[in-house]
Amino acid sequence: MSKINVRRLFKEDINMFLPLVQELMEHRVEESLLKERFADMFEHRYQCYGIYKDDELAGVFGLWFAIRHYAGKTCEVDHVFIKAEHRGKGLGKQVFQWIYTYAREQGCETSELNSYVHNFPSHKFYLNEDYVIKGYHFLKKL
């Protein structure tokens, strides 16, 4: 298993990482709208990271930092996506070890995340990473 390199990405890098987010989201959101949303996200405690294997962008993920009454200072992992050809090779495990270390360095007590209901492989992965299901995430279009 070759070691990954995690690099911070910025809003100027959007054309590089957006195709991966689009694939994760099954292209359900227009590119122009996603670009607007990401521009706003970068202004609100959001950080984006690229997962590189042999200098190739193999995946992407985001992190949000907040203080929650039920969890203390937390690092919320967002839109984790690893390209299909790199899955099942230990990259996810390495990425999450990197996230845990980084979150602790930022003073976080917990890590949390959401996962799409139909994404069963991610559920298995997160449970194996000792995440516990604490509730349901509800969404209402306004």
C-alpha atoms as a PDB file:
ATOM      1  CA  MET A   1       0.000   0.000   0.000  1.00  0.00           C
ATOM      2  CA  SER A   2       1.561   3.271  -1.088  1.00  0.00           C
ATOM      3  CA  LYS A   3       1.332   6.270   1.177  1.00  0.00           C
ATOM      4  CA  ILE A   4      -1.036   9.094   0.345  1.00  0.00           C
ATOM      5  CA  ASN A   5      -0.338  12.794   0.434  1.00  0.00           C
ATOM      6  CA  VAL A   6      -3.076  15.126   1.674  1.00  0.00           C
ATOM      7  CA  ARG A   7      -2.944  18.699   0.371  1.00  0.00           C
ATOM      8  CA  ARG A   8      -5.173  21.611   1.242  1.00  0.00           C
ATOM      9  CA  LEU A   9      -7.194  22.968  -1.666  1.00  0.00           C
ATOM     10  CA  PHE A  10      -8.613  26.453  -1.979  1.00  0.00           C
ATOM     11  CA  LYS A  11     -11.507  28.048  -3.841  1.00  0.00           C
ATOM     12  CA  GLU A  12      -9.137  28.755  -6.739  1.00  0.00           C
ATOM     13  CA  ASP A  13      -8.730  24.968  -7.125  1.00  0.00           C
ATOM     14  CA  ILE A  14     -12.436  24.344  -7.657  1.00  0.00           C
ATOM     15  CA  ASN A  15     -12.120  23.187 -11.275  1.00  0.00           C
ATOM     16  CA  MET A  16      -9.742  20.482 -10.082  1.00  0.00           C
ATOM     17  CA  PHE A  17     -11.884  18.986  -7.298  1.00  0.00           C
ATOM     18  CA  LEU A  18     -15.431  19.790  -8.434  1.00  0.00           C
ATOM     19  CA  PRO A  19     -15.671  16.851 -10.894  1.00  0.00           C
ATOM     20  CA  LEU A  20     -15.082  14.449  -7.990  1.00  0.00           C
ATOM     21  CA  VAL A  21     -17.773  16.092  -5.861  1.00  0.00           C
ATOM     22  CA  GLN A  22     -20.123  15.979  -8.852  1.00  0.00           C
ATOM     23  CA  GLU A  23     -19.488  12.247  -9.236  1.00  0.00           C
ATOM     24  CA  LEU A  24     -20.206  11.694  -5.536  1.00  0.00           C
ATOM     25  CA  MET A  25     -23.452  13.648  -5.899  1.00  0.00           C
ATOM     26  CA  GLU A  26     -24.367  11.836  -9.119  1.00  0.00           C
ATOM     27  CA  HIS A  27     -24.436  15.192 -10.959  1.00  0.00           C
ATOM     28  CA  ARG A  28     -27.672  16.233  -9.212  1.00  0.00           C
ATOM     29  CA  VAL A  29     -26.607  19.871  -8.742  1.00  0.00           C
ATOM     30  CA  GLU A  30     -25.713  22.224 -11.575  1.00  0.00           C
ATOM     31  CA  GLU A  31     -22.026  23.057 -11.794  1.00  0.00           C
ATOM     32  CA  SER A  32     -22.587  26.822 -11.599  1.00  0.00           C
ATOM     33  CA  LEU A  33     -24.665  26.450  -8.440  1.00  0.00           C
ATOM     34  CA  LEU A  34     -22.074  24.163  -6.855  1.00  0.00           C
ATOM     35  CA  LYS A  35     -19.370  26.721  -7.623  1.00  0.00           C
ATOM     36  CA  GLU A  36     -21.416  29.417  -5.880  1.00  0.00           C
ATOM     37  CA  ARG A  37     -21.993  27.204  -2.883  1.00  0.00           C
ATOM     38  CA  PHE A  38     -18.345  26.254  -2.545  1.00  0.00           C
ATOM     39  CA  ALA A  39     -17.297  29.910  -2.808  1.00  0.00           C
ATOM     40  CA  ASP A  40     -19.566  30.630   0.178  1.00  0.00           C
ATOM     41  CA  MET A  41     -18.424  27.520   2.061  1.00  0.00           C
ATOM     42  CA  PHE A  42     -14.793  28.614   1.932  1.00  0.00           C
ATOM     43  CA  GLU A  43     -15.834  31.740   3.848  1.00  0.00           C
ATOM     44  CA  HIS A  44     -17.411  29.764   6.729  1.00  0.00           C
ATOM     45  CA  ARG A  45     -15.043  27.462   8.637  1.00  0.00           C
ATOM     46  CA  TYR A  46     -14.784  25.042   5.717  1.00  0.00           C
ATOM     47  CA  GLN A  47     -11.567  23.467   4.470  1.00  0.00           C
ATOM     48  CA  CYS A  48     -11.088  21.280   1.406  1.00  0.00           C
ATOM     49  CA  TYR A  49      -8.376  18.671   0.882  1.00  0.00           C
ATOM     50  CA  GLY A  50      -7.137  16.618  -2.036  1.00  0.00           C
ATOM     51  CA  ILE A  51      -6.000  13.032  -1.606  1.00  0.00           C
ATOM     52  CA  TYR A  52      -2.971  12.418  -3.796  1.00  0.00           C
ATOM     53  CA  LYS A  53      -1.426   9.114  -4.710  1.00  0.00           C
ATOM     54  CA  ASP A  54       1.755   9.342  -6.772  1.00  0.00           C
ATOM     55  CA  ASP A  55       0.955  13.027  -7.522  1.00  0.00           C
ATOM     56  CA  GLU A  56      -2.449  12.077  -8.983  1.00  0.00           C
ATOM     57  CA  LEU A  57      -5.625  13.484  -7.421  1.00  0.00           C
ATOM     58  CA  ALA A  58      -7.225  10.265  -6.193  1.00  0.00           C
ATOM     59  CA  GLY A  59      -9.920  11.798  -4.003  1.00  0.00           C
ATOM     60  CA  VAL A  60     -11.277  14.766  -2.120  1.00  0.00           C
ATOM     61  CA  PHE A  61     -12.904  15.594   1.214  1.00  0.00           C
ATOM     62  CA  GLY A  62     -13.970  18.595   3.199  1.00  0.00           C
ATOM     63  CA  LEU A  63     -13.844  19.503   6.874  1.00  0.00           C
ATOM     64  CA  TRP A  64     -16.074  21.791   8.911  1.00  0.00           C
ATOM     65  CA  PHE A  65     -15.165  22.959  12.397  1.00  0.00           C
ATOM     66  CA  ALA A  66     -17.796  23.832  14.996  1.00  0.00           C
ATOM     67  CA  ILE A  67     -18.658  23.633  18.654  1.00  0.00           C
ATOM     68  CA  ARG A  68     -21.778  21.614  19.356  1.00  0.00           C
ATOM     69  CA  HIS A  69     -23.628  21.340  22.653  1.00  0.00           C
ATOM     70  CA  TYR A  70     -23.697  17.525  22.420  1.00  0.00           C
ATOM     71  CA  ALA A  71     -20.166  16.906  21.118  1.00  0.00           C
ATOM     72  CA  GLY A  72     -17.903  19.808  22.097  1.00  0.00           C
ATOM     73  CA  LYS A  73     -15.435  21.052  19.505  1.00  0.00           C
ATOM     74  CA  THR A  74     -15.965  18.834  16.491  1.00  0.00           C
ATOM     75  CA  CYS A  75     -14.575  18.202  13.045  1.00  0.00           C
ATOM     76  CA  GLU A  76     -17.326  17.298  10.604  1.00  0.00           C
ATOM     77  CA  VAL A  77     -16.077  15.307   7.634  1.00  0.00           C
ATOM     78  CA  ASP A  78     -17.891  16.179   4.411  1.00  0.00           C
ATOM     79  CA  HIS A  79     -18.108  14.854   0.838  1.00  0.00           C
ATOM     80  CA  VAL A  80     -15.478  12.121   1.093  1.00  0.00           C
ATOM     81  CA  PHE A  81     -14.883  10.745  -2.377  1.00  0.00           C
ATOM     82  CA  ILE A  82     -12.184   8.411  -3.660  1.00  0.00           C
ATOM     83  CA  LYS A  83     -12.057   7.572  -7.350  1.00  0.00           C
ATOM     84  CA  ALA A  84     -13.256   4.047  -8.121  1.00  0.00           C
ATOM     85  CA  GLU A  85      -9.861   2.817  -9.303  1.00  0.00           C
ATOM     86  CA  HIS A  86      -8.314   3.717  -5.929  1.00  0.00           C
ATOM     87  CA  ARG A  87     -10.965   2.177  -3.666  1.00  0.00           C
ATOM     88  CA  GLY A  88     -10.349  -0.940  -1.617  1.00  0.00           C
ATOM     89  CA  LYS A  89      -6.614  -0.211  -1.341  1.00  0.00           C
ATOM     90  CA  GLY A  90      -6.446   1.336   2.110  1.00  0.00           C
ATOM     91  CA  LEU A  91      -6.615   4.991   1.047  1.00  0.00           C
ATOM     92  CA  GLY A  92      -9.752   5.673   3.093  1.00  0.00           C
ATOM     93  CA  LYS A  93      -8.123   4.309   6.233  1.00  0.00           C
ATOM     94  CA  GLN A  94      -5.082   6.541   5.663  1.00  0.00           C
ATOM     95  CA  VAL A  95      -7.284   9.573   4.985  1.00  0.00           C
ATOM     96  CA  PHE A  96      -9.233   9.110   8.188  1.00  0.00           C
ATOM     97  CA  GLN A  97      -6.068   8.627  10.244  1.00  0.00           C
ATOM     98  CA  TRP A  98      -4.864  11.948   8.782  1.00  0.00           C
ATOM     99  CA  ILE A  99      -8.210  13.593   9.640  1.00  0.00           C
ATOM    100  CA  TYR A 100      -8.152  12.332  13.252  1.00  0.00           C
ATOM    101  CA  THR A 101      -4.621  13.611  13.788  1.00  0.00           C
ATOM    102  CA  TYR A 102      -5.389  16.976  12.222  1.00  0.00           C
ATOM    103  CA  ALA A 103      -8.658  17.364  14.157  1.00  0.00           C
ATOM    104  CA  ARG A 104      -6.904  16.639  17.456  1.00  0.00           C
ATOM    105  CA  GLU A 105      -4.260  19.244  16.563  1.00  0.00           C
ATOM    106  CA  GLN A 106      -7.132  21.740  16.086  1.00  0.00           C
ATOM    107  CA  GLY A 107      -8.416  20.937  19.585  1.00  0.00           C
ATOM    108  CA  CYS A 108     -11.357  18.804  18.470  1.00  0.00           C
ATOM    109  CA  GLU A 109     -12.914  16.327  20.858  1.00  0.00           C
ATOM    110  CA  THR A 110     -15.052  14.533  18.283  1.00  0.00           C
ATOM    111  CA  SER A 111     -15.471  13.809  14.598  1.00  0.00           C
ATOM    112  CA  GLU A 112     -18.846  13.468  12.934  1.00  0.00           C
ATOM    113  CA  LEU A 113     -20.224  13.012   9.445  1.00  0.00           C
ATOM    114  CA  ASN A 114     -23.276  12.335   7.349  1.00  0.00           C
ATOM    115  CA  SER A 115     -23.561   9.582   4.775  1.00  0.00           C
ATOM    116  CA  TYR A 116     -26.109   9.153   2.024  1.00  0.00           C
ATOM    117  CA  VAL A 117     -28.716   6.568   3.024  1.00  0.00           C
ATOM    118  CA  HIS A 118     -28.065   4.443  -0.085  1.00  0.00           C
ATOM    119  CA  ASN A 119     -24.257   4.448   0.289  1.00  0.00           C
ATOM    120  CA  PHE A 120     -23.940   1.116   2.078  1.00  0.00           C
ATOM    121  CA  PRO A 121     -20.180   0.673   1.501  1.00  0.00           C
ATOM    122  CA  SER A 122     -19.534   3.960   3.319  1.00  0.00           C
ATOM    123  CA  HIS A 123     -21.733   2.878   6.236  1.00  0.00           C
ATOM    124  CA  LYS A 124     -19.653  -0.253   6.695  1.00  0.00           C
ATOM    125  CA  PHE A 125     -16.440   1.760   6.468  1.00  0.00           C
ATOM    126  CA  TYR A 126     -17.565   4.358   9.040  1.00  0.00           C
ATOM    127  CA  LEU A 127     -18.811   1.715  11.468  1.00  0.00           C
ATOM    128  CA  ASN A 128     -15.427  -0.009  11.161  1.00  0.00           C
ATOM    129  CA  GLU A 129     -13.849   3.370  12.008  1.00  0.00           C
ATOM    130  CA  ASP A 130     -15.848   3.341  15.283  1.00  0.00           C
ATOM    131  CA  TYR A 131     -18.379   5.976  14.275  1.00  0.00           C
ATOM    132  CA  VAL A 132     -21.763   5.315  15.842  1.00  0.00           C
ATOM    133  CA  ILE A 133     -25.127   6.186  14.360  1.00  0.00           C
ATOM    134  CA  LYS A 134     -26.558   8.864  16.655  1.00  0.00           C
ATOM    135  CA  GLY A 135     -29.601   9.995  14.679  1.00  0.00           C
ATOM    136  CA  TYR A 136     -31.095  10.801  11.315  1.00  0.00           C
ATOM    137  CA  HIS A 137     -30.313  13.796   9.147  1.00  0.00           C
ATOM    138  CA  PHE A 138     -33.487  15.470   7.895  1.00  0.00           C
ATOM    139  CA  LEU A 139     -33.673  17.901   4.970  1.00  0.00           C
ATOM    140  CA  LYS A 140     -36.578  20.000   3.755  1.00  0.00           C
ATOM    141  CA  LYS A 141     -36.521  22.085   0.584  1.00  0.00           C
ATOM    142  CA  LEU A 142     -37.794  25.610   1.181  1.00  0.00           C
END
